[in-house]
Amino acid sequence: MPNYEQLLKTVQACHALSDLRQDILLFLYDEDTNEFFILAGKKATIEVTIYSNSTVEVEIGDEI
């Protein structure tokens, strides 16, 4: 089950993507690893992972 800080980071990431007018194509919570995964961008080139310790990793492809 996600912790409060992880949930907060997830909402902040979705809000930032929305502010940047990026489509959120996939929003997933993996119960095995306790991680959130967001796939966004017009061509699905933005990947956001929010780990169980609330750290956030963002990978952005060449084409947004």
PDB file of N, CA and C in Angstrom:
ATOM      1  N   MET A   1       0.846  -1.178   0.000  1.00  0.00           N
ATOM      2  CA  MET A   1       0.000   0.000   0.000  1.00  0.00           C
ATOM      3  C   MET A   1       0.897   1.247   0.000  1.00  0.00           C
ATOM      4  N   PRO A   2       0.577   2.215  -0.851  1.00  0.00           N
ATOM      5  CA  PRO A   2       1.414   3.422  -0.926  1.00  0.00           C
ATOM      6  C   PRO A   2       1.321   4.262   0.343  1.00  0.00           C
ATOM      7  N   ASN A   3       2.409   4.959   0.646  1.00  0.00           N
ATOM      8  CA  ASN A   3       2.409   5.848   1.803  1.00  0.00           C
ATOM      9  C   ASN A   3       1.968   7.251   1.383  1.00  0.00           C
ATOM     10  N   TYR A   4       1.720   8.096   2.368  1.00  0.00           N
ATOM     11  CA  TYR A   4       1.195   9.431   2.105  1.00  0.00           C
ATOM     12  C   TYR A   4       2.137  10.251   1.220  1.00  0.00           C
ATOM     13  N   GLU A   5       3.423  10.222   1.519  1.00  0.00           N
ATOM     14  CA  GLU A   5       4.399  11.008   0.750  1.00  0.00           C
ATOM     15  C   GLU A   5       4.452  10.545  -0.711  1.00  0.00           C
ATOM     16  N   GLN A   6       4.362   9.251  -0.920  1.00  0.00           N
ATOM     17  CA  GLN A   6       4.370   8.711  -2.274  1.00  0.00           C
ATOM     18  C   GLN A   6       3.112   9.148  -3.031  1.00  0.00           C
ATOM     19  N   LEU A   7       1.969   9.116  -2.370  1.00  0.00           N
ATOM     20  CA  LEU A   7       0.730   9.575  -3.000  1.00  0.00           C
ATOM     21  C   LEU A   7       0.810  11.055  -3.355  1.00  0.00           C
ATOM     22  N   LEU A   8       1.375  11.850  -2.461  1.00  0.00           N
ATOM     23  CA  LEU A   8       1.518  13.284  -2.703  1.00  0.00           C
ATOM     24  C   LEU A   8       2.416  13.541  -3.919  1.00  0.00           C
ATOM     25  N   LYS A   9       3.534  12.842  -3.998  1.00  0.00           N
ATOM     26  CA  LYS A   9       4.443  12.995  -5.142  1.00  0.00           C
ATOM     27  C   LYS A   9       3.755  12.590  -6.448  1.00  0.00           C
ATOM     28  N   THR A  10       2.916  11.571  -6.388  1.00  0.00           N
ATOM     29  CA  THR A  10       2.198  11.112  -7.577  1.00  0.00           C
ATOM     30  C   THR A  10       1.228  12.174  -8.071  1.00  0.00           C
ATOM     31  N   VAL A  11       0.482  12.761  -7.153  1.00  0.00           N
ATOM     32  CA  VAL A  11      -0.452  13.826  -7.528  1.00  0.00           C
ATOM     33  C   VAL A  11       0.307  15.025  -8.078  1.00  0.00           C
ATOM     34  N   GLN A  12       1.431  15.378  -7.467  1.00  0.00           N
ATOM     35  CA  GLN A  12       2.233  16.504  -7.946  1.00  0.00           C
ATOM     36  C   GLN A  12       2.759  16.244  -9.357  1.00  0.00           C
ATOM     37  N   ALA A  13       3.186  15.023  -9.631  1.00  0.00           N
ATOM     38  CA  ALA A  13       3.688  14.686 -10.968  1.00  0.00           C
ATOM     39  C   ALA A  13       2.569  14.791 -12.003  1.00  0.00           C
ATOM     40  N   CYS A  14       1.387  14.279 -11.677  1.00  0.00           N
ATOM     41  CA  CYS A  14       0.246  14.366 -12.603  1.00  0.00           C
ATOM     42  C   CYS A  14      -0.158  15.822 -12.823  1.00  0.00           C
ATOM     43  N   HIS A  15      -0.119  16.619 -11.771  1.00  0.00           N
ATOM     44  CA  HIS A  15      -0.471  18.033 -11.881  1.00  0.00           C
ATOM     45  C   HIS A  15       0.526  18.766 -12.779  1.00  0.00           C
ATOM     46  N   ALA A  16       1.805  18.480 -12.598  1.00  0.00           N
ATOM     47  CA  ALA A  16       2.835  19.127 -13.423  1.00  0.00           C
ATOM     48  C   ALA A  16       2.676  18.742 -14.894  1.00  0.00           C
ATOM     49  N   LEU A  17       2.421  17.481 -15.161  1.00  0.00           N
ATOM     50  CA  LEU A  17       2.208  17.046 -16.543  1.00  0.00           C
ATOM     51  C   LEU A  17       0.992  17.733 -17.147  1.00  0.00           C
ATOM     52  N   SER A  18      -0.050  17.869 -16.361  1.00  0.00           N
ATOM     53  CA  SER A  18      -1.264  18.548 -16.829  1.00  0.00           C
ATOM     54  C   SER A  18      -0.989  20.021 -17.113  1.00  0.00           C
ATOM     55  N   ASP A  19      -0.240  20.682 -16.228  1.00  0.00           N
ATOM     56  CA  ASP A  19       0.111  22.089 -16.439  1.00  0.00           C
ATOM     57  C   ASP A  19       0.917  22.283 -17.722  1.00  0.00           C
ATOM     58  N   LEU A  20       1.722  21.289 -18.059  1.00  0.00           N
ATOM     59  CA  LEU A  20       2.534  21.338 -19.277  1.00  0.00           C
ATOM     60  C   LEU A  20       1.767  20.838 -20.504  1.00  0.00           C
ATOM     61  N   ARG A  21       0.477  20.553 -20.304  1.00  0.00           N
ATOM     62  CA  ARG A  21      -0.408  20.090 -21.377  1.00  0.00           C
ATOM     63  C   ARG A  21       0.082  18.796 -22.031  1.00  0.00           C
ATOM     64  N   GLN A  22       0.588  17.903 -21.200  1.00  0.00           N
ATOM     65  CA  GLN A  22       1.034  16.600 -21.680  1.00  0.00           C
ATOM     66  C   GLN A  22      -0.061  15.565 -21.403  1.00  0.00           C
ATOM     67  N   ASP A  23      -0.361  14.756 -22.384  1.00  0.00           N
ATOM     68  CA  ASP A  23      -1.344  13.691 -22.212  1.00  0.00           C
ATOM     69  C   ASP A  23      -0.793  12.642 -21.250  1.00  0.00           C
ATOM     70  N   ILE A  24      -1.614  12.178 -20.320  1.00  0.00           N
ATOM     71  CA  ILE A  24      -1.256  11.062 -19.456  1.00  0.00           C
ATOM     72  C   ILE A  24      -1.889   9.825 -20.080  1.00  0.00           C
ATOM     73  N   LEU A  25      -1.056   8.957 -20.620  1.00  0.00           N
ATOM     74  CA  LEU A  25      -1.525   7.808 -21.376  1.00  0.00           C
ATOM     75  C   LEU A  25      -1.700   6.566 -20.511  1.00  0.00           C
ATOM     76  N   LEU A  26      -0.898   6.458 -19.457  1.00  0.00           N
ATOM     77  CA  LEU A  26      -0.967   5.288 -18.594  1.00  0.00           C
ATOM     78  C   LEU A  26      -0.642   5.714 -17.173  1.00  0.00           C
ATOM     79  N   PHE A  27      -1.449   5.268 -16.237  1.00  0.00           N
ATOM     80  CA  PHE A  27      -1.229   5.510 -14.815  1.00  0.00           C
ATOM     81  C   PHE A  27      -1.366   4.158 -14.142  1.00  0.00           C
ATOM     82  N   LEU A  28      -0.294   3.683 -13.509  1.00  0.00           N
ATOM     83  CA  LEU A  28      -0.270   2.322 -13.002  1.00  0.00           C
ATOM     84  C   LEU A  28       0.345   2.280 -11.610  1.00  0.00           C
ATOM     85  N   TYR A  29      -0.257   1.482 -10.732  1.00  0.00           N
ATOM     86  CA  TYR A  29       0.348   1.199  -9.434  1.00  0.00           C
ATOM     87  C   TYR A  29       0.672  -0.286  -9.400  1.00  0.00           C
ATOM     88  N   ASP A  30       1.943  -0.607  -9.197  1.00  0.00           N
ATOM     89  CA  ASP A  30       2.391  -1.994  -9.148  1.00  0.00           C
ATOM     90  C   ASP A  30       2.437  -2.440  -7.689  1.00  0.00           C
ATOM     91  N   GLU A  31       1.540  -3.349  -7.320  1.00  0.00           N
ATOM     92  CA  GLU A  31       1.467  -3.814  -5.937  1.00  0.00           C
ATOM     93  C   GLU A  31       2.675  -4.653  -5.541  1.00  0.00           C
ATOM     94  N   ASP A  32       3.328  -5.279  -6.507  1.00  0.00           N
ATOM     95  CA  ASP A  32       4.502  -6.105  -6.198  1.00  0.00           C
ATOM     96  C   ASP A  32       5.696  -5.257  -5.783  1.00  0.00           C
ATOM     97  N   THR A  33       5.896  -4.123  -6.455  1.00  0.00           N
ATOM     98  CA  THR A  33       7.051  -3.279  -6.152  1.00  0.00           C
ATOM     99  C   THR A  33       6.672  -2.024  -5.365  1.00  0.00           C
ATOM    100  N   ASN A  34       5.363  -1.790  -5.181  1.00  0.00           N
ATOM    101  CA  ASN A  34       4.859  -0.580  -4.495  1.00  0.00           C
ATOM    102  C   ASN A  34       5.339   0.690  -5.186  1.00  0.00           C
ATOM    103  N   GLU A  35       5.256   0.697  -6.519  1.00  0.00           N
ATOM    104  CA  GLU A  35       5.688   1.850  -7.310  1.00  0.00           C
ATOM    105  C   GLU A  35       4.556   2.320  -8.213  1.00  0.00           C
ATOM    106  N   PHE A  36       4.523   3.637  -8.427  1.00  0.00           N
ATOM    107  CA  PHE A  36       3.621   4.225  -9.408  1.00  0.00           C
ATOM    108  C   PHE A  36       4.403   4.442 -10.691  1.00  0.00           C
ATOM    109  N   PHE A  37       3.729   4.270 -11.814  1.00  0.00           N
ATOM    110  CA  PHE A  37       4.345   4.494 -13.110  1.00  0.00           C
ATOM    111  C   PHE A  37       3.382   5.324 -13.943  1.00  0.00           C
ATOM    112  N   ILE A  38       3.898   6.398 -14.544  1.00  0.00           N
ATOM    113  CA  ILE A  38       3.091   7.271 -15.393  1.00  0.00           C
ATOM    114  C   ILE A  38       3.791   7.367 -16.741  1.00  0.00           C
ATOM    115  N   LEU A  39       3.043   7.118 -17.798  1.00  0.00           N
ATOM    116  CA  LEU A  39       3.525   7.262 -19.161  1.00  0.00           C
ATOM    117  C   LEU A  39       2.763   8.429 -19.767  1.00  0.00           C
ATOM    118  N   ALA A  40       3.499   9.428 -20.257  1.00  0.00           N
ATOM    119  CA  ALA A  40       2.850  10.657 -20.720  1.00  0.00           C
ATOM    120  C   ALA A  40       3.538  11.196 -21.966  1.00  0.00           C
ATOM    121  N   GLY A  41       2.918  12.235 -22.517  1.00  0.00           N
ATOM    122  CA  GLY A  41       3.462  12.893 -23.700  1.00  0.00           C
ATOM    123  C   GLY A  41       2.699  12.494 -24.945  1.00  0.00           C
ATOM    124  N   LYS A  42       2.719  13.355 -25.914  1.00  0.00           N
ATOM    125  CA  LYS A  42       2.001  13.112 -27.168  1.00  0.00           C
ATOM    126  C   LYS A  42       2.456  11.815 -27.836  1.00  0.00           C
ATOM    127  N   LYS A  43       3.737  11.507 -27.723  1.00  0.00           N
ATOM    128  CA  LYS A  43       4.277  10.290 -28.325  1.00  0.00           C
ATOM    129  C   LYS A  43       4.785   9.326 -27.257  1.00  0.00           C
ATOM    130  N   ALA A  44       4.227   9.431 -26.049  1.00  0.00           N
ATOM    131  CA  ALA A  44       4.576   8.542 -24.933  1.00  0.00           C
ATOM    132  C   ALA A  44       6.073   8.557 -24.649  1.00  0.00           C
ATOM    133  N   THR A  45       6.652   9.745 -24.604  1.00  0.00           N
ATOM    134  CA  THR A  45       8.095   9.855 -24.412  1.00  0.00           C
ATOM    135  C   THR A  45       8.484  10.309 -23.006  1.00  0.00           C
ATOM    136  N   ILE A  46       7.507  10.487 -22.135  1.00  0.00           N
ATOM    137  CA  ILE A  46       7.806  10.883 -20.752  1.00  0.00           C
ATOM    138  C   ILE A  46       7.423   9.718 -19.845  1.00  0.00           C
ATOM    139  N   GLU A  47       8.383   9.245 -19.073  1.00  0.00           N
ATOM    140  CA  GLU A  47       8.142   8.166 -18.129  1.00  0.00           C
ATOM    141  C   GLU A  47       8.469   8.661 -16.728  1.00  0.00           C
ATOM    142  N   VAL A  48       7.517   8.523 -15.828  1.00  0.00           N
ATOM    143  CA  VAL A  48       7.706   8.948 -14.441  1.00  0.00           C
ATOM    144  C   VAL A  48       7.502   7.737 -13.548  1.00  0.00           C
ATOM    145  N   THR A  49       8.449   7.488 -12.660  1.00  0.00           N
ATOM    146  CA  THR A  49       8.328   6.412 -11.683  1.00  0.00           C
ATOM    147  C   THR A  49       8.440   7.021 -10.294  1.00  0.00           C
ATOM    148  N   ILE A  50       7.482   6.710  -9.426  1.00  0.00           N
ATOM    149  CA  ILE A  50       7.519   7.159  -8.038  1.00  0.00           C
ATOM    150  C   ILE A  50       7.716   5.904  -7.187  1.00  0.00           C
ATOM    151  N   TYR A  51       8.892   5.801  -6.587  1.00  0.00           N
ATOM    152  CA  TYR A  51       9.269   4.615  -5.829  1.00  0.00           C
ATOM    153  C   TYR A  51       8.650   4.629  -4.436  1.00  0.00           C
ATOM    154  N   SER A  52       8.713   3.498  -3.761  1.00  0.00           N
ATOM    155  CA  SER A  52       8.095   3.360  -2.437  1.00  0.00           C
ATOM    156  C   SER A  52       8.734   4.272  -1.387  1.00  0.00           C
ATOM    157  N   ASN A  53       9.973   4.698  -1.608  1.00  0.00           N
ATOM    158  CA  ASN A  53      10.614   5.634  -0.678  1.00  0.00           C
ATOM    159  C   ASN A  53      10.357   7.088  -1.080  1.00  0.00           C
ATOM    160  N   SER A  54       9.411   7.295  -2.001  1.00  0.00           N
ATOM    161  CA  SER A  54       8.938   8.610  -2.459  1.00  0.00           C
ATOM    162  C   SER A  54       9.916   9.349  -3.365  1.00  0.00           C
ATOM    163  N   THR A  55      10.953   8.701  -3.819  1.00  0.00           N
ATOM    164  CA  THR A  55      11.814   9.353  -4.802  1.00  0.00           C
ATOM    165  C   THR A  55      11.143   9.266  -6.172  1.00  0.00           C
ATOM    166  N   VAL A  56      11.418  10.263  -6.995  1.00  0.00           N
ATOM    167  CA  VAL A  56      10.793  10.361  -8.308  1.00  0.00           C
ATOM    168  C   VAL A  56      11.878  10.304  -9.372  1.00  0.00           C
ATOM    169  N   GLU A  57      11.671   9.465 -10.369  1.00  0.00           N
ATOM    170  CA  GLU A  57      12.583   9.380 -11.502  1.00  0.00           C
ATOM    171  C   GLU A  57      11.808   9.732 -12.763  1.00  0.00           C
ATOM    172  N   VAL A  58      12.371  10.652 -13.554  1.00  0.00           N
ATOM    173  CA  VAL A  58      11.723  11.077 -14.789  1.00  0.00           C
ATOM    174  C   VAL A  58      12.678  10.832 -15.942  1.00  0.00           C
ATOM    175  N   GLU A  59      12.177  10.173 -16.973  1.00  0.00           N
ATOM    176  CA  GLU A  59      12.942   9.970 -18.197  1.00  0.00           C
ATOM    177  C   GLU A  59      12.165  10.617 -19.333  1.00  0.00           C
ATOM    178  N   ILE A  60      12.850  11.466 -20.094  1.00  0.00           N
ATOM    179  CA  ILE A  60      12.207  12.169 -21.203  1.00  0.00           C
ATOM    180  C   ILE A  60      12.925  11.792 -22.480  1.00  0.00           C
ATOM    181  N   GLY A  61      12.155  11.310 -23.451  1.00  0.00           N
ATOM    182  CA  GLY A  61      12.711  10.919 -24.743  1.00  0.00           C
ATOM    183  C   GLY A  61      13.038  12.141 -25.585  1.00  0.00           C
ATOM    184  N   ASP A  62      13.536  11.904 -26.770  1.00  0.00           N
ATOM    185  CA  ASP A  62      13.947  12.983 -27.663  1.00  0.00           C
ATOM    186  C   ASP A  62      12.790  13.786 -28.208  1.00  0.00           C
ATOM    187  N   GLU A  63      11.655  13.157 -28.452  1.00  0.00           N
ATOM    188  CA  GLU A  63      10.503  13.845 -29.036  1.00  0.00           C
ATOM    189  C   GLU A  63       9.397  13.990 -28.004  1.00  0.00           C
ATOM    190  N   ILE A  64       9.020  15.219 -27.706  1.00  0.00           N
ATOM    191  CA  ILE A  64       7.926  15.452 -26.748  1.00  0.00           C
ATOM    192  C   ILE A  64       6.703  15.910 -27.480  1.00  0.00           C
TER     193      ILE A  64
END
